Amino acid sequence: MERQLLGRSCCTTPAAMCFWAAIFVLIYGAGLLLTSVWPQARPFEDTLILVALAAACVVNFWRNRTLHCGITGPLFLVGAVAAALIEAGAWRFDLAIVWGVVLLGVGIAFIVEWRTVGRTAV
């Protein structure tokens, strides 16, 4: 029974991963175009990445109902708000803390999904 679980894709199908990546690239590319048109947005690179990740997760969750995207989408959005406040100078602490919390949350989201899918697939 353990072998059956190891062969399953616990999180996302390859097609959904390609869809997610395409959405991320599209949104991030639009943000890069925005920074070329509006130079005042250039200091907000981390915010731009987090917004693109959040949007891609929201679209992927809406389309595929993947559990980890339901968790990480809002997490990326909160991270984007925190990054924007730091990059604007309203908050004075290291941006690495935001990225650390976001990465920890992403890891936890995948573990939760892996454990949930593993138990329901048995």
PDB file of N, CA and C in Angstrom:
ATOM      1  N   MET A   1       0.823  -1.193   0.000  1.00  0.00           N
ATOM      2  CA  MET A   1       0.000   0.000   0.000  1.00  0.00           C
ATOM      3  C   MET A   1       0.866   1.256   0.000  1.00  0.00           C
ATOM      4  N   GLU A   2       2.008   1.212   0.679  1.00  0.00           N
ATOM      5  CA  GLU A   2       2.917   2.349   0.728  1.00  0.00           C
ATOM      6  C   GLU A   2       3.453   2.669  -0.669  1.00  0.00           C
ATOM      7  N   ARG A   3       3.717   1.649  -1.466  1.00  0.00           N
ATOM      8  CA  ARG A   3       4.241   1.864  -2.813  1.00  0.00           C
ATOM      9  C   ARG A   3       3.224   2.562  -3.704  1.00  0.00           C
ATOM     10  N   GLN A   4       1.960   2.286  -3.509  1.00  0.00           N
ATOM     11  CA  GLN A   4       0.927   2.918  -4.314  1.00  0.00           C
ATOM     12  C   GLN A   4       0.916   4.430  -4.090  1.00  0.00           C
ATOM     13  N   LEU A   5       1.139   4.856  -2.875  1.00  0.00           N
ATOM     14  CA  LEU A   5       1.128   6.280  -2.572  1.00  0.00           C
ATOM     15  C   LEU A   5       2.341   6.993  -3.144  1.00  0.00           C
ATOM     16  N   LEU A   6       3.482   6.316  -3.200  1.00  0.00           N
ATOM     17  CA  LEU A   6       4.690   6.969  -3.690  1.00  0.00           C
ATOM     18  C   LEU A   6       4.596   7.300  -5.173  1.00  0.00           C
ATOM     19  N   GLY A   7       3.847   6.549  -5.938  1.00  0.00           N
ATOM     20  CA  GLY A   7       3.732   6.799  -7.357  1.00  0.00           C
ATOM     21  C   GLY A   7       2.730   7.880  -7.711  1.00  0.00           C
ATOM     22  N   ARG A   8       1.938   8.305  -6.782  1.00  0.00           N
ATOM     23  CA  ARG A   8       0.905   9.303  -7.060  1.00  0.00           C
ATOM     24  C   ARG A   8       1.469  10.715  -7.005  1.00  0.00           C
ATOM     25  N   SER A   9       0.889  11.570  -7.801  1.00  0.00           N
ATOM     26  CA  SER A   9       1.222  12.988  -7.723  1.00  0.00           C
ATOM     27  C   SER A   9       0.368  13.577  -6.615  1.00  0.00           C
ATOM     28  N   CYS A  10       0.998  13.943  -5.535  1.00  0.00           N
ATOM     29  CA  CYS A  10       0.223  14.342  -4.364  1.00  0.00           C
ATOM     30  C   CYS A  10      -0.252  15.780  -4.436  1.00  0.00           C
ATOM     31  N   CYS A  11       0.339  16.565  -5.276  1.00  0.00           N
ATOM     32  CA  CYS A  11       0.020  17.985  -5.219  1.00  0.00           C
ATOM     33  C   CYS A  11      -0.622  18.500  -6.496  1.00  0.00           C
ATOM     34  N   THR A  12       0.110  18.466  -7.575  1.00  0.00           N
ATOM     35  CA  THR A  12      -0.348  19.124  -8.781  1.00  0.00           C
ATOM     36  C   THR A  12       0.051  18.295  -9.990  1.00  0.00           C
ATOM     37  N   THR A  13      -0.819  18.233 -10.954  1.00  0.00           N
ATOM     38  CA  THR A  13      -0.496  17.536 -12.194  1.00  0.00           C
ATOM     39  C   THR A  13       0.497  18.364 -12.996  1.00  0.00           C
ATOM     40  N   PRO A  14       1.238  17.730 -13.904  1.00  0.00           N
ATOM     41  CA  PRO A  14       2.166  18.500 -14.738  1.00  0.00           C
ATOM     42  C   PRO A  14       1.464  19.594 -15.556  1.00  0.00           C
ATOM     43  N   ALA A  15       0.264  19.317 -16.032  1.00  0.00           N
ATOM     44  CA  ALA A  15      -0.468  20.338 -16.794  1.00  0.00           C
ATOM     45  C   ALA A  15      -0.801  21.539 -15.917  1.00  0.00           C
ATOM     46  N   ALA A  16      -1.193  21.281 -14.674  1.00  0.00           N
ATOM     47  CA  ALA A  16      -1.506  22.384 -13.759  1.00  0.00           C
ATOM     48  C   ALA A  16      -0.253  23.175 -13.407  1.00  0.00           C
ATOM     49  N   MET A  17       0.887  22.497 -13.288  1.00  0.00           N
ATOM     50  CA  MET A  17       2.136  23.209 -13.002  1.00  0.00           C
ATOM     51  C   MET A  17       2.508  24.118 -14.165  1.00  0.00           C
ATOM     52  N   CYS A  18       2.329  23.630 -15.402  1.00  0.00           N
ATOM     53  CA  CYS A  18       2.614  24.464 -16.571  1.00  0.00           C
ATOM     54  C   CYS A  18       1.661  25.657 -16.626  1.00  0.00           C
ATOM     55  N   PHE A  19       0.402  25.424 -16.300  1.00  0.00           N
ATOM     56  CA  PHE A  19      -0.582  26.506 -16.269  1.00  0.00           C
ATOM     57  C   PHE A  19      -0.184  27.543 -15.223  1.00  0.00           C
ATOM     58  N   TRP A  20       0.193  27.084 -14.022  1.00  0.00           N
ATOM     59  CA  TRP A  20       0.604  27.983 -12.948  1.00  0.00           C
ATOM     60  C   TRP A  20       1.814  28.797 -13.387  1.00  0.00           C
ATOM     61  N   ALA A  21       2.807  28.134 -13.985  1.00  0.00           N
ATOM     62  CA  ALA A  21       4.019  28.830 -14.423  1.00  0.00           C
ATOM     63  C   ALA A  21       3.698  29.867 -15.492  1.00  0.00           C
ATOM     64  N   ALA A  22       2.795  29.535 -16.401  1.00  0.00           N
ATOM     65  CA  ALA A  22       2.416  30.482 -17.454  1.00  0.00           C
ATOM     66  C   ALA A  22       1.737  31.709 -16.858  1.00  0.00           C
ATOM     67  N   ILE A  23       0.854  31.499 -15.901  1.00  0.00           N
ATOM     68  CA  ILE A  23       0.180  32.626 -15.249  1.00  0.00           C
ATOM     69  C   ILE A  23       1.198  33.491 -14.509  1.00  0.00           C
ATOM     70  N   PHE A  24       2.125  32.843 -13.790  1.00  0.00           N
ATOM     71  CA  PHE A  24       3.148  33.593 -13.062  1.00  0.00           C
ATOM     72  C   PHE A  24       3.979  34.440 -14.015  1.00  0.00           C
ATOM     73  N   VAL A  25       4.460  33.831 -15.101  1.00  0.00           N
ATOM     74  CA  VAL A  25       5.283  34.559 -16.071  1.00  0.00           C
ATOM     75  C   VAL A  25       4.502  35.716 -16.686  1.00  0.00           C
ATOM     76  N   LEU A  26       3.253  35.489 -17.009  1.00  0.00           N
ATOM     77  CA  LEU A  26       2.417  36.534 -17.593  1.00  0.00           C
ATOM     78  C   LEU A  26       2.255  37.715 -16.637  1.00  0.00           C
ATOM     79  N   ILE A  27       1.940  37.429 -15.385  1.00  0.00           N
ATOM     80  CA  ILE A  27       1.723  38.508 -14.415  1.00  0.00           C
ATOM     81  C   ILE A  27       3.036  39.202 -14.062  1.00  0.00           C
ATOM     82  N   TYR A  28       4.098  38.422 -13.878  1.00  0.00           N
ATOM     83  CA  TYR A  28       5.395  39.018 -13.566  1.00  0.00           C
ATOM     84  C   TYR A  28       5.887  39.867 -14.747  1.00  0.00           C
ATOM     85  N   GLY A  29       5.701  39.369 -15.966  1.00  0.00           N
ATOM     86  CA  GLY A  29       6.084  40.137 -17.158  1.00  0.00           C
ATOM     87  C   GLY A  29       5.312  41.434 -17.260  1.00  0.00           C
ATOM     88  N   ALA A  30       4.027  41.391 -16.933  1.00  0.00           N
ATOM     89  CA  ALA A  30       3.226  42.621 -16.932  1.00  0.00           C
ATOM     90  C   ALA A  30       3.764  43.601 -15.894  1.00  0.00           C
ATOM     91  N   GLY A  31       4.191  43.077 -14.755  1.00  0.00           N
ATOM     92  CA  GLY A  31       4.779  43.944 -13.735  1.00  0.00           C
ATOM     93  C   GLY A  31       6.086  44.567 -14.189  1.00  0.00           C
ATOM     94  N   LEU A  32       6.893  43.793 -14.892  1.00  0.00           N
ATOM     95  CA  LEU A  32       8.140  44.345 -15.423  1.00  0.00           C
ATOM     96  C   LEU A  32       7.873  45.436 -16.457  1.00  0.00           C
ATOM     97  N   LEU A  33       6.862  45.223 -17.280  1.00  0.00           N
ATOM     98  CA  LEU A  33       6.476  46.276 -18.231  1.00  0.00           C
ATOM     99  C   LEU A  33       6.004  47.528 -17.496  1.00  0.00           C
ATOM    100  N   LEU A  34       5.274  47.312 -16.416  1.00  0.00           N
ATOM    101  CA  LEU A  34       4.810  48.445 -15.612  1.00  0.00           C
ATOM    102  C   LEU A  34       5.987  49.242 -15.063  1.00  0.00           C
ATOM    103  N   THR A  35       7.033  48.550 -14.595  1.00  0.00           N
ATOM    104  CA  THR A  35       8.189  49.266 -14.056  1.00  0.00           C
ATOM    105  C   THR A  35       8.943  50.035 -15.133  1.00  0.00           C
ATOM    106  N   SER A  36       8.869  49.578 -16.369  1.00  0.00           N
ATOM    107  CA  SER A  36       9.536  50.334 -17.433  1.00  0.00           C
ATOM    108  C   SER A  36       8.744  51.586 -17.806  1.00  0.00           C
ATOM    109  N   VAL A  37       7.430  51.509 -17.661  1.00  0.00           N
ATOM    110  CA  VAL A  37       6.577  52.667 -17.961  1.00  0.00           C
ATOM    111  C   VAL A  37       6.507  53.605 -16.761  1.00  0.00           C
ATOM    112  N   TRP A  38       6.501  53.036 -15.579  1.00  0.00           N
ATOM    113  CA  TRP A  38       6.357  53.811 -14.349  1.00  0.00           C
ATOM    114  C   TRP A  38       7.566  53.533 -13.450  1.00  0.00           C
ATOM    115  N   PRO A  39       8.645  54.308 -13.586  1.00  0.00           N
ATOM    116  CA  PRO A  39       9.906  54.038 -12.872  1.00  0.00           C
ATOM    117  C   PRO A  39       9.785  54.048 -11.341  1.00  0.00           C
ATOM    118  N   GLN A  40       8.777  54.694 -10.806  1.00  0.00           N
ATOM    119  CA  GLN A  40       8.612  54.727  -9.350  1.00  0.00           C
ATOM    120  C   GLN A  40       8.305  53.340  -8.775  1.00  0.00           C
ATOM    121  N   ALA A  41       7.894  52.399  -9.612  1.00  0.00           N
ATOM    122  CA  ALA A  41       7.576  51.044  -9.143  1.00  0.00           C
ATOM    123  C   ALA A  41       8.811  50.148  -9.088  1.00  0.00           C
ATOM    124  N   ARG A  42       9.943  50.600  -9.585  1.00  0.00           N
ATOM    125  CA  ARG A  42      11.150  49.768  -9.632  1.00  0.00           C
ATOM    126  C   ARG A  42      11.638  49.285  -8.270  1.00  0.00           C
ATOM    127  N   PRO A  43      11.562  50.070  -7.209  1.00  0.00           N
ATOM    128  CA  PRO A  43      12.049  49.572  -5.918  1.00  0.00           C
ATOM    129  C   PRO A  43      11.200  48.432  -5.329  1.00  0.00           C
ATOM    130  N   PHE A  44      10.081  48.134  -5.921  1.00  0.00           N
ATOM    131  CA  PHE A  44       9.152  47.146  -5.368  1.00  0.00           C
ATOM    132  C   PHE A  44       9.277  45.781  -6.046  1.00  0.00           C
ATOM    133  N   GLU A  45      10.511  45.321  -6.278  1.00  0.00           N
ATOM    134  CA  GLU A  45      10.729  44.059  -6.976  1.00  0.00           C
ATOM    135  C   GLU A  45      10.195  42.866  -6.199  1.00  0.00           C
ATOM    136  N   ASP A  46      10.468  42.806  -4.907  1.00  0.00           N
ATOM    137  CA  ASP A  46       9.984  41.683  -4.099  1.00  0.00           C
ATOM    138  C   ASP A  46       8.461  41.677  -4.024  1.00  0.00           C
ATOM    139  N   THR A  47       7.885  42.843  -3.930  1.00  0.00           N
ATOM    140  CA  THR A  47       6.423  42.950  -3.924  1.00  0.00           C
ATOM    141  C   THR A  47       5.855  42.418  -5.234  1.00  0.00           C
ATOM    142  N   LEU A  48       6.481  42.773  -6.340  1.00  0.00           N
ATOM    143  CA  LEU A  48       6.037  42.323  -7.650  1.00  0.00           C
ATOM    144  C   LEU A  48       6.083  40.793  -7.757  1.00  0.00           C
ATOM    145  N   ILE A  49       7.161  40.195  -7.298  1.00  0.00           N
ATOM    146  CA  ILE A  49       7.276  38.732  -7.341  1.00  0.00           C
ATOM    147  C   ILE A  49       6.200  38.086  -6.486  1.00  0.00           C
ATOM    148  N   LEU A  50       5.989  38.590  -5.289  1.00  0.00           N
ATOM    149  CA  LEU A  50       4.992  38.002  -4.388  1.00  0.00           C
ATOM    150  C   LEU A  50       3.573  38.179  -4.913  1.00  0.00           C
ATOM    151  N   VAL A  51       3.288  39.312  -5.531  1.00  0.00           N
ATOM    152  CA  VAL A  51       1.955  39.518  -6.125  1.00  0.00           C
ATOM    153  C   VAL A  51       1.739  38.543  -7.276  1.00  0.00           C
ATOM    154  N   ALA A  52       2.771  38.354  -8.110  1.00  0.00           N
ATOM    155  CA  ALA A  52       2.652  37.414  -9.227  1.00  0.00           C
ATOM    156  C   ALA A  52       2.455  35.987  -8.722  1.00  0.00           C
ATOM    157  N   LEU A  53       3.178  35.609  -7.681  1.00  0.00           N
ATOM    158  CA  LEU A  53       2.994  34.277  -7.093  1.00  0.00           C
ATOM    159  C   LEU A  53       1.591  34.121  -6.513  1.00  0.00           C
ATOM    160  N   ALA A  54       1.122  35.153  -5.811  1.00  0.00           N
ATOM    161  CA  ALA A  54      -0.221  35.100  -5.219  1.00  0.00           C
ATOM    162  C   ALA A  54      -1.286  34.977  -6.296  1.00  0.00           C
ATOM    163  N   ALA A  55      -1.169  35.778  -7.341  1.00  0.00           N
ATOM    164  CA  ALA A  55      -2.164  35.731  -8.414  1.00  0.00           C
ATOM    165  C   ALA A  55      -2.168  34.377  -9.111  1.00  0.00           C
ATOM    166  N   ALA A  56      -0.979  33.827  -9.362  1.00  0.00           N
ATOM    167  CA  ALA A  56      -0.900  32.511 -10.000  1.00  0.00           C
ATOM    168  C   ALA A  56      -1.524  31.438  -9.113  1.00  0.00           C
ATOM    169  N   CYS A  57      -1.313  31.527  -7.808  1.00  0.00           N
ATOM    170  CA  CYS A  57      -1.913  30.552  -6.887  1.00  0.00           C
ATOM    171  C   CYS A  57      -3.431  30.700  -6.825  1.00  0.00           C
ATOM    172  N   VAL A  58      -3.911  31.926  -6.811  1.00  0.00           N
ATOM    173  CA  VAL A  58      -5.363  32.138  -6.770  1.00  0.00           C
ATOM    174  C   VAL A  58      -6.014  31.578  -8.032  1.00  0.00           C
ATOM    175  N   VAL A  59      -5.419  31.849  -9.195  1.00  0.00           N
ATOM    176  CA  VAL A  59      -5.960  31.332 -10.451  1.00  0.00           C
ATOM    177  C   VAL A  59      -5.891  29.807 -10.470  1.00  0.00           C
ATOM    178  N   ASN A  60      -4.770  29.245 -10.014  1.00  0.00           N
ATOM    179  CA  ASN A  60      -4.624  27.789  -9.988  1.00  0.00           C
ATOM    180  C   ASN A  60      -5.616  27.156  -9.012  1.00  0.00           C
ATOM    181  N   PHE A  61      -5.827  27.777  -7.866  1.00  0.00           N
ATOM    182  CA  PHE A  61      -6.800  27.239  -6.911  1.00  0.00           C
ATOM    183  C   PHE A  61      -8.205  27.312  -7.490  1.00  0.00           C
ATOM    184  N   TRP A  62      -8.514  28.396  -8.141  1.00  0.00           N
ATOM    185  CA  TRP A  62      -9.844  28.558  -8.751  1.00  0.00           C
ATOM    186  C   TRP A  62     -10.070  27.512  -9.838  1.00  0.00           C
ATOM    187  N   ARG A  63      -9.009  27.222 -10.601  1.00  0.00           N
ATOM    188  CA  ARG A  63      -9.152  26.289 -11.719  1.00  0.00           C
ATOM    189  C   ARG A  63      -9.023  24.829 -11.304  1.00  0.00           C
ATOM    190  N   ASN A  64      -8.053  24.499 -10.421  1.00  0.00           N
ATOM    191  CA  ASN A  64      -7.732  23.109 -10.111  1.00  0.00           C
ATOM    192  C   ASN A  64      -8.047  22.679  -8.681  1.00  0.00           C
ATOM    193  N   ARG A  65      -8.377  23.631  -7.822  1.00  0.00           N
ATOM    194  CA  ARG A  65      -8.696  23.347  -6.422  1.00  0.00           C
ATOM    195  C   ARG A  65      -7.573  22.617  -5.671  1.00  0.00           C
ATOM    196  N   THR A  66      -6.332  23.010  -5.927  1.00  0.00           N
ATOM    197  CA  THR A  66      -5.216  22.412  -5.199  1.00  0.00           C
ATOM    198  C   THR A  66      -5.147  23.043  -3.811  1.00  0.00           C
ATOM    199  N   LEU A  67      -5.032  22.179  -2.812  1.00  0.00           N
ATOM    200  CA  LEU A  67      -5.045  22.636  -1.425  1.00  0.00           C
ATOM    201  C   LEU A  67      -3.905  23.604  -1.134  1.00  0.00           C
ATOM    202  N   HIS A  68      -2.700  23.277  -1.603  1.00  0.00           N
ATOM    203  CA  HIS A  68      -1.574  24.150  -1.263  1.00  0.00           C
ATOM    204  C   HIS A  68      -1.744  25.548  -1.851  1.00  0.00           C
ATOM    205  N   CYS A  69      -2.386  25.672  -3.015  1.00  0.00           N
ATOM    206  CA  CYS A  69      -2.616  27.009  -3.579  1.00  0.00           C
ATOM    207  C   CYS A  69      -3.658  27.780  -2.773  1.00  0.00           C
ATOM    208  N   GLY A  70      -4.585  27.071  -2.163  1.00  0.00           N
ATOM    209  CA  GLY A  70      -5.553  27.720  -1.280  1.00  0.00           C
ATOM    210  C   GLY A  70      -4.895  28.290  -0.032  1.00  0.00           C
ATOM    211  N   ILE A  71      -3.771  27.702   0.348  1.00  0.00           N
ATOM    212  CA  ILE A  71      -3.027  28.190   1.517  1.00  0.00           C
ATOM    213  C   ILE A  71      -1.989  29.228   1.106  1.00  0.00           C
ATOM    214  N   THR A  72      -1.241  28.933   0.040  1.00  0.00           N
ATOM    215  CA  THR A  72      -0.128  29.814  -0.322  1.00  0.00           C
ATOM    216  C   THR A  72      -0.563  31.091  -1.025  1.00  0.00           C
ATOM    217  N   GLY A  73      -1.697  31.077  -1.721  1.00  0.00           N
ATOM    218  CA  GLY A  73      -2.171  32.297  -2.373  1.00  0.00           C
ATOM    219  C   GLY A  73      -2.332  33.451  -1.398  1.00  0.00           C
ATOM    220  N   PRO A  74      -3.129  33.259  -0.336  1.00  0.00           N
ATOM    221  CA  PRO A  74      -3.243  34.335   0.658  1.00  0.00           C
ATOM    222  C   PRO A  74      -1.925  34.629   1.377  1.00  0.00           C
ATOM    223  N   LEU A  75      -1.109  33.599   1.584  1.00  0.00           N
ATOM    224  CA  LEU A  75       0.190  33.809   2.228  1.00  0.00           C
ATOM    225  C   LEU A  75       1.077  34.707   1.374  1.00  0.00           C
ATOM    226  N   PHE A  76       1.129  34.455   0.075  1.00  0.00           N
ATOM    227  CA  PHE A  76       1.903  35.316  -0.822  1.00  0.00           C
ATOM    228  C   PHE A  76       1.350  36.739  -0.829  1.00  0.00           C
ATOM    229  N   LEU A  77       0.039  36.866  -0.763  1.00  0.00           N
ATOM    230  CA  LEU A  77      -0.574  38.193  -0.758  1.00  0.00           C
ATOM    231  C   LEU A  77      -0.209  38.971   0.501  1.00  0.00           C
ATOM    232  N   VAL A  78      -0.254  38.323   1.649  1.00  0.00           N
ATOM    233  CA  VAL A  78       0.149  38.976   2.900  1.00  0.00           C
ATOM    234  C   VAL A  78       1.639  39.333   2.838  1.00  0.00           C
ATOM    235  N   GLY A  79       2.438  38.416   2.285  1.00  0.00           N
ATOM    236  CA  GLY A  79       3.865  38.700   2.105  1.00  0.00           C
ATOM    237  C   GLY A  79       4.093  39.885   1.194  1.00  0.00           C
ATOM    238  N   ALA A  80       3.276  40.012   0.145  1.00  0.00           N
ATOM    239  CA  ALA A  80       3.396  41.144  -0.774  1.00  0.00           C
ATOM    240  C   ALA A  80       3.082  42.464  -0.076  1.00  0.00           C
ATOM    241  N   VAL A  81       2.071  42.459   0.769  1.00  0.00           N
ATOM    242  CA  VAL A  81       1.736  43.677   1.515  1.00  0.00           C
ATOM    243  C   VAL A  81       2.881  44.049   2.453  1.00  0.00           C
ATOM    244  N   ALA A  82       3.424  43.053   3.167  1.00  0.00           N
ATOM    245  CA  ALA A  82       4.546  43.312   4.066  1.00  0.00           C
ATOM    246  C   ALA A  82       5.764  43.807   3.285  1.00  0.00           C
ATOM    247  N   ALA A  83       6.049  43.181   2.139  1.00  0.00           N
ATOM    248  CA  ALA A  83       7.190  43.610   1.320  1.00  0.00           C
ATOM    249  C   ALA A  83       6.990  45.029   0.805  1.00  0.00           C
ATOM    250  N   ALA A  84       5.766  45.355   0.403  1.00  0.00           N
ATOM    251  CA  ALA A  84       5.493  46.715  -0.078  1.00  0.00           C
ATOM    252  C   ALA A  84       5.728  47.745   1.026  1.00  0.00           C
ATOM    253  N   LEU A  85       5.291  47.421   2.229  1.00  0.00           N
ATOM    254  CA  LEU A  85       5.505  48.351   3.342  1.00  0.00           C
ATOM    255  C   LEU A  85       6.984  48.510   3.675  1.00  0.00           C
ATOM    256  N   ILE A  86       7.730  47.412   3.576  1.00  0.00           N
ATOM    257  CA  ILE A  86       9.173  47.484   3.834  1.00  0.00           C
ATOM    258  C   ILE A  86       9.872  48.262   2.714  1.00  0.00           C
ATOM    259  N   GLU A  87       9.533  47.944   1.467  1.00  0.00           N
ATOM    260  CA  GLU A  87      10.191  48.611   0.342  1.00  0.00           C
ATOM    261  C   GLU A  87       9.800  50.083   0.237  1.00  0.00           C
ATOM    262  N   ALA A  88       8.642  50.448   0.762  1.00  0.00           N
ATOM    263  CA  ALA A  88       8.232  51.854   0.774  1.00  0.00           C
ATOM    264  C   ALA A  88       8.851  52.618   1.939  1.00  0.00           C
ATOM    265  N   GLY A  89       9.418  51.887   2.889  1.00  0.00           N
ATOM    266  CA  GLY A  89      10.048  52.531   4.031  1.00  0.00           C
ATOM    267  C   GLY A  89       9.132  52.717   5.227  1.00  0.00           C
ATOM    268  N   ALA A  90       7.903  52.212   5.166  1.00  0.00           N
ATOM    269  CA  ALA A  90       6.973  52.350   6.284  1.00  0.00           C
ATOM    270  C   ALA A  90       7.334  51.401   7.432  1.00  0.00           C
ATOM    271  N   TRP A  91       7.876  50.233   7.099  1.00  0.00           N
ATOM    272  CA  TRP A  91       8.331  49.271   8.112  1.00  0.00           C
ATOM    273  C   TRP A  91       9.834  49.167   8.020  1.00  0.00           C
ATOM    274  N   ARG A  92      10.468  49.035   9.158  1.00  0.00           N
ATOM    275  CA  ARG A  92      11.923  48.975   9.174  1.00  0.00           C
ATOM    276  C   ARG A  92      12.402  47.645   9.754  1.00  0.00           C
ATOM    277  N   PHE A  93      12.325  46.593   8.951  1.00  0.00           N
ATOM    278  CA  PHE A  93      12.993  45.344   9.295  1.00  0.00           C
ATOM    279  C   PHE A  93      13.379  44.627   8.015  1.00  0.00           C
ATOM    280  N   ASP A  94      14.164  43.603   8.166  1.00  0.00           N
ATOM    281  CA  ASP A  94      14.763  42.929   7.019  1.00  0.00           C
ATOM    282  C   ASP A  94      13.723  42.185   6.192  1.00  0.00           C
ATOM    283  N   LEU A  95      13.806  42.346   4.891  1.00  0.00           N
ATOM    284  CA  LEU A  95      12.905  41.660   3.973  1.00  0.00           C
ATOM    285  C   LEU A  95      13.133  40.154   3.982  1.00  0.00           C
ATOM    286  N   ALA A  96      14.303  39.731   4.418  1.00  0.00           N
ATOM    287  CA  ALA A  96      14.593  38.293   4.513  1.00  0.00           C
ATOM    288  C   ALA A  96      13.652  37.609   5.503  1.00  0.00           C
ATOM    289  N   ILE A  97      13.171  38.332   6.493  1.00  0.00           N
ATOM    290  CA  ILE A  97      12.208  37.764   7.445  1.00  0.00           C
ATOM    291  C   ILE A  97      10.907  37.424   6.726  1.00  0.00           C
ATOM    292  N   VAL A  98      10.456  38.316   5.864  1.00  0.00           N
ATOM    293  CA  VAL A  98       9.228  38.062   5.094  1.00  0.00           C
ATOM    294  C   VAL A  98       9.411  36.829   4.227  1.00  0.00           C
ATOM    295  N   TRP A  99      10.535  36.766   3.487  1.00  0.00           N
ATOM    296  CA  TRP A  99      10.782  35.611   2.621  1.00  0.00           C
ATOM    297  C   TRP A  99      10.913  34.322   3.426  1.00  0.00           C
ATOM    298  N   GLY A 100      11.522  34.400   4.598  1.00  0.00           N
ATOM    299  CA  GLY A 100      11.635  33.217   5.455  1.00  0.00           C
ATOM    300  C   GLY A 100      10.279  32.701   5.889  1.00  0.00           C
ATOM    301  N   VAL A 101       9.399  33.608   6.306  1.00  0.00           N
ATOM    302  CA  VAL A 101       8.050  33.208   6.722  1.00  0.00           C
ATOM    303  C   VAL A 101       7.265  32.650   5.531  1.00  0.00           C
ATOM    304  N   VAL A 102       7.399  33.290   4.376  1.00  0.00           N
ATOM    305  CA  VAL A 102       6.693  32.820   3.179  1.00  0.00           C
ATOM    306  C   VAL A 102       7.179  31.419   2.793  1.00  0.00           C
ATOM    307  N   LEU A 103       8.481  31.211   2.760  1.00  0.00           N
ATOM    308  CA  LEU A 103       9.017  29.894   2.396  1.00  0.00           C
ATOM    309  C   LEU A 103       8.636  28.822   3.406  1.00  0.00           C
ATOM    310  N   LEU A 104       8.642  29.172   4.672  1.00  0.00           N
ATOM    311  CA  LEU A 104       8.194  28.228   5.700  1.00  0.00           C
ATOM    312  C   LEU A 104       6.722  27.882   5.494  1.00  0.00           C
ATOM    313  N   GLY A 105       5.912  28.879   5.217  1.00  0.00           N
ATOM    314  CA  GLY A 105       4.491  28.646   4.972  1.00  0.00           C
ATOM    315  C   GLY A 105       4.243  27.789   3.743  1.00  0.00           C
ATOM    316  N   VAL A 106       5.025  28.004   2.685  1.00  0.00           N
ATOM    317  CA  VAL A 106       4.889  27.184   1.476  1.00  0.00           C
ATOM    318  C   VAL A 106       5.246  25.733   1.795  1.00  0.00           C
ATOM    319  N   GLY A 107       6.315  25.540   2.528  1.00  0.00           N
ATOM    320  CA  GLY A 107       6.702  24.182   2.921  1.00  0.00           C
ATOM    321  C   GLY A 107       5.626  23.499   3.740  1.00  0.00           C
ATOM    322  N   ILE A 108       5.065  24.215   4.686  1.00  0.00           N
ATOM    323  CA  ILE A 108       3.993  23.662   5.514  1.00  0.00           C
ATOM    324  C   ILE A 108       2.765  23.346   4.668  1.00  0.00           C
ATOM    325  N   ALA A 109       2.436  24.215   3.715  1.00  0.00           N
ATOM    326  CA  ALA A 109       1.274  23.982   2.841  1.00  0.00           C
ATOM    327  C   ALA A 109       1.447  22.695   2.041  1.00  0.00           C
ATOM    328  N   PHE A 110       2.642  22.466   1.516  1.00  0.00           N
ATOM    329  CA  PHE A 110       2.876  21.243   0.753  1.00  0.00           C
ATOM    330  C   PHE A 110       2.842  20.012   1.650  1.00  0.00           C
ATOM    331  N   ILE A 111       3.366  20.136   2.855  1.00  0.00           N
ATOM    332  CA  ILE A 111       3.318  19.002   3.791  1.00  0.00           C
ATOM    333  C   ILE A 111       1.876  18.683   4.163  1.00  0.00           C
ATOM    334  N   VAL A 112       1.076  19.712   4.433  1.00  0.00           N
ATOM    335  CA  VAL A 112      -0.339  19.500   4.757  1.00  0.00           C
ATOM    336  C   VAL A 112      -1.046  18.814   3.599  1.00  0.00           C
ATOM    337  N   GLU A 113      -0.799  19.292   2.380  1.00  0.00           N
ATOM    338  CA  GLU A 113      -1.451  18.669   1.225  1.00  0.00           C
ATOM    339  C   GLU A 113      -0.968  17.240   1.030  1.00  0.00           C
ATOM    340  N   TRP A 114       0.321  17.018   1.175  1.00  0.00           N
ATOM    341  CA  TRP A 114       0.871  15.679   1.003  1.00  0.00           C
ATOM    342  C   TRP A 114       0.257  14.712   2.006  1.00  0.00           C
ATOM    343  N   ARG A 115       0.153  15.149   3.245  1.00  0.00           N
ATOM    344  CA  ARG A 115      -0.421  14.272   4.274  1.00  0.00           C
ATOM    345  C   ARG A 115      -1.918  14.069   4.058  1.00  0.00           C
ATOM    346  N   THR A 116      -2.616  15.099   3.631  1.00  0.00           N
ATOM    347  CA  THR A 116      -4.057  14.992   3.402  1.00  0.00           C
ATOM    348  C   THR A 116      -4.340  14.081   2.209  1.00  0.00           C
ATOM    349  N   VAL A 117      -3.637  14.289   1.105  1.00  0.00           N
ATOM    350  CA  VAL A 117      -3.844  13.459  -0.079  1.00  0.00           C
ATOM    351  C   VAL A 117      -3.425  12.036   0.210  1.00  0.00           C
ATOM    352  N   GLY A 118      -2.344  11.855   0.951  1.00  0.00           N
ATOM    353  CA  GLY A 118      -1.888  10.510   1.291  1.00  0.00           C
ATOM    354  C   GLY A 118      -2.923   9.743   2.103  1.00  0.00           C
ATOM    355  N   ARG A 119      -3.626  10.397   2.977  1.00  0.00           N
ATOM    356  CA  ARG A 119      -4.622   9.720   3.805  1.00  0.00           C
ATOM    357  C   ARG A 119      -5.914   9.450   3.064  1.00  0.00           C
ATOM    358  N   THR A 120      -6.302  10.353   2.160  1.00  0.00           N
ATOM    359  CA  THR A 120      -7.555  10.133   1.434  1.00  0.00           C
ATOM    360  C   THR A 120      -7.375   9.159   0.282  1.00  0.00           C
ATOM    361  N   ALA A 121      -6.130   8.965  -0.183  1.00  0.00           N
ATOM    362  CA  ALA A 121      -5.892   8.064  -1.312  1.00  0.00           C
ATOM    363  C   ALA A 121      -5.841   6.601  -0.876  1.00  0.00           C
ATOM    364  N   VAL A 122      -5.746   6.330   0.414  1.00  0.00           N
ATOM    365  CA  VAL A 122      -5.618   4.951   0.906  1.00  0.00           C
ATOM    366  C   VAL A 122      -6.924   4.225   0.802  1.00  0.00           C
TER     367      VAL A 122
END
